Amino acid sequence: MGAINHVAFSNDNRFLLTSSDDRMAKVWTVADYRLRFTLKGHRASVVSAVFTDNDKTILTASTDNTIRKWGFPYPFYSGVLETQGNRLEGLSFTSDGKKAIAVDRTGQVFEWAYNGGLNFVLNQKYPLNGTAGLTCMAL
């Protein structure tokens, strides 16, 4: 396993999600910290991974400039969210679970509306002035 870049709990606190430099994200059971499954497909370090508010989808953000969507609890790859940006540095959901937000190394922010399941629609992208080199984000 490469260096771990980010950890996140599922909303029911039964699962732990890690993202790491080995280009993978992994899901662990919290009760015994056993590996449940590995999400593979990124071509570079996975900097962030998050569960949706209903725990049915996982998003992973990578320095390969992609955000991948995965089904949960049965893992399957379901596509890429387009960023057209530079190296991604952070990924999060708003507290109401209705938007996914990602930021790239230049401070460009990408916002998707989340309508449940695997449905994401890019709402907008905009710069955050003075945030070039941002390496962590929380909402």
Protein backbone atom coordinates (compact mmCIF):
# COMPACT_ATOMS: atom_id res chain seq x y z
CA MET A 1 0.00 0.00 0.00
CA GLY A 2 1.23 3.49 -0.84
CA ALA A 3 1.00 6.49 1.45
CA ILE A 4 -2.58 7.13 2.48
CA ASN A 5 -3.81 10.55 1.35
CA HIS A 6 -7.34 10.63 2.69
CA VAL A 7 -9.77 8.65 4.84
CA ALA A 8 -13.56 8.88 5.06
CA PHE A 9 -16.25 7.01 6.96
CA SER A 10 -19.49 5.85 5.41
CA ASN A 11 -22.50 7.70 6.77
CA ASP A 12 -23.51 4.70 8.86
CA ASN A 13 -19.91 4.44 10.19
CA ARG A 14 -19.65 0.77 9.19
CA PHE A 15 -17.02 1.29 6.48
CA LEU A 16 -13.76 3.20 6.14
CA LEU A 17 -12.59 4.43 2.75
CA THR A 18 -8.90 5.15 2.11
CA SER A 19 -7.21 6.70 -0.91
CA SER A 20 -3.51 6.41 -1.55
CA ASP A 21 -0.46 6.96 -3.71
CA ASP A 22 -0.69 3.39 -5.07
CA ARG A 23 -3.48 4.59 -7.46
CA MET A 24 -6.19 2.78 -5.50
CA ALA A 25 -8.96 3.40 -3.02
CA LYS A 26 -9.88 0.71 -0.52
CA VAL A 27 -12.96 -0.01 1.56
CA TRP A 28 -12.49 -1.56 5.01
CA THR A 29 -15.02 -2.80 7.55
CA VAL A 30 -14.73 -0.73 10.73
CA ALA A 31 -15.70 -3.56 13.09
CA ASP A 32 -12.55 -5.57 12.31
CA TYR A 33 -10.59 -3.31 9.88
CA ARG A 34 -10.57 -6.02 7.23
CA LEU A 35 -10.23 -5.09 3.60
CA ARG A 36 -13.59 -5.46 1.89
CA PHE A 37 -12.56 -4.48 -1.65
CA THR A 38 -10.16 -2.39 -3.72
CA LEU A 39 -11.14 0.17 -6.35
CA LYS A 40 -8.60 0.19 -9.20
CA GLY A 41 -8.46 2.23 -12.37
CA HIS A 42 -6.73 5.54 -11.74
CA ARG A 43 -3.42 6.15 -13.49
CA ALA A 44 -1.91 8.25 -10.68
CA SER A 45 -2.22 8.90 -6.95
CA VAL A 46 -5.75 8.94 -5.51
CA VAL A 47 -5.87 12.09 -3.38
CA SER A 48 -9.42 11.87 -2.06
CA ALA A 49 -12.37 9.49 -1.83
CA VAL A 50 -15.85 10.09 -0.46
CA PHE A 51 -19.17 8.32 0.05
CA THR A 52 -22.39 9.96 -1.13
CA ASP A 53 -24.85 10.85 1.61
CA ASN A 54 -26.86 7.67 0.97
CA ASP A 55 -23.72 5.45 0.84
CA LYS A 56 -24.69 4.10 -2.60
CA THR A 57 -21.85 5.70 -4.53
CA ILE A 58 -18.16 6.38 -3.96
CA LEU A 59 -16.24 9.11 -5.76
CA THR A 60 -12.44 9.00 -6.08
CA ALA A 61 -10.29 11.96 -7.20
CA SER A 62 -6.83 11.48 -8.63
CA THR A 63 -3.83 13.45 -9.77
CA ASP A 64 -4.53 11.84 -13.18
CA ASN A 65 -7.15 14.64 -13.50
CA THR A 66 -10.15 12.32 -13.19
CA ILE A 67 -12.93 11.65 -10.73
CA ARG A 68 -14.26 8.13 -10.98
CA LYS A 69 -17.70 6.93 -9.85
CA TRP A 70 -18.13 3.53 -8.17
CA GLY A 71 -21.20 1.67 -6.99
CA PHE A 72 -21.46 0.67 -3.33
CA PRO A 73 -21.87 -1.69 -1.47
CA TYR A 74 -21.23 -3.87 -4.52
CA PRO A 75 -18.23 -2.31 -6.25
CA PHE A 76 -18.51 -1.52 -9.92
CA TYR A 77 -16.97 1.23 -12.00
CA SER A 78 -19.63 3.50 -13.45
CA GLY A 79 -17.79 6.30 -15.24
CA VAL A 80 -15.79 9.48 -14.98
CA LEU A 81 -16.85 12.98 -13.99
CA GLU A 82 -15.32 15.44 -16.43
CA THR A 83 -13.05 18.09 -14.94
CA GLN A 84 -10.96 19.34 -17.88
CA GLY A 85 -8.66 20.70 -15.23
CA ASN A 86 -5.24 20.31 -13.81
CA ARG A 87 -4.15 17.88 -11.13
CA LEU A 88 -7.00 17.34 -8.67
CA GLU A 89 -6.29 18.05 -5.02
CA GLY A 90 -9.57 17.67 -3.16
CA LEU A 91 -13.08 16.28 -3.29
CA SER A 92 -16.04 16.67 -0.95
CA PHE A 93 -19.83 16.73 -0.68
CA THR A 94 -21.87 19.57 0.70
CA SER A 95 -23.44 18.82 4.07
CA ASP A 96 -26.88 18.42 2.48
CA GLY A 97 -25.44 15.81 0.08
CA LYS A 98 -26.76 17.61 -3.00
CA LYS A 99 -23.47 18.75 -4.54
CA ALA A 100 -20.08 17.21 -5.14
CA ILE A 101 -17.22 19.72 -5.21
CA ALA A 102 -13.69 19.17 -6.49
CA VAL A 103 -10.75 21.55 -6.71
CA ASP A 104 -7.64 21.31 -8.86
CA ARG A 105 -4.11 22.52 -8.17
CA THR A 106 -4.76 25.91 -9.80
CA GLY A 107 -7.78 26.61 -7.62
CA GLN A 108 -10.35 25.79 -10.31
CA VAL A 109 -13.51 24.48 -8.61
CA PHE A 110 -15.89 22.00 -10.21
CA GLU A 111 -19.41 21.60 -8.87
CA TRP A 112 -21.81 18.78 -9.75
CA ALA A 113 -25.45 18.50 -8.76
CA TYR A 114 -26.12 15.07 -7.26
CA ASN A 115 -29.58 13.61 -7.77
CA GLY A 116 -29.06 10.21 -6.15
CA GLY A 117 -27.79 6.93 -7.55
CA LEU A 118 -25.02 7.53 -10.07
CA ASN A 119 -26.44 10.75 -11.54
CA PHE A 120 -24.16 13.78 -11.46
CA VAL A 121 -24.57 16.92 -13.59
CA LEU A 122 -21.76 19.50 -13.90
CA ASN A 123 -23.33 22.77 -12.70
CA GLN A 124 -20.41 25.09 -13.01
CA LYS A 125 -16.72 25.59 -12.69
CA TYR A 126 -15.10 28.70 -11.33
CA PRO A 127 -11.78 29.92 -9.89
CA LEU A 128 -11.16 30.39 -6.19
CA ASN A 129 -8.87 33.39 -6.17
CA GLY A 130 -5.68 32.95 -4.17
CA THR A 131 -5.96 29.18 -3.79
CA ALA A 132 -3.33 27.94 -6.25
CA GLY A 133 -1.50 25.09 -4.59
CA LEU A 134 -4.47 24.14 -2.39
CA THR A 135 -3.92 20.65 -1.02
CA CYS A 136 -6.91 20.05 1.26
CA MET A 137 -10.58 20.94 1.26
CA ALA A 138 -13.48 20.39 3.64
CA LEU A 139 -17.09 21.52 3.41
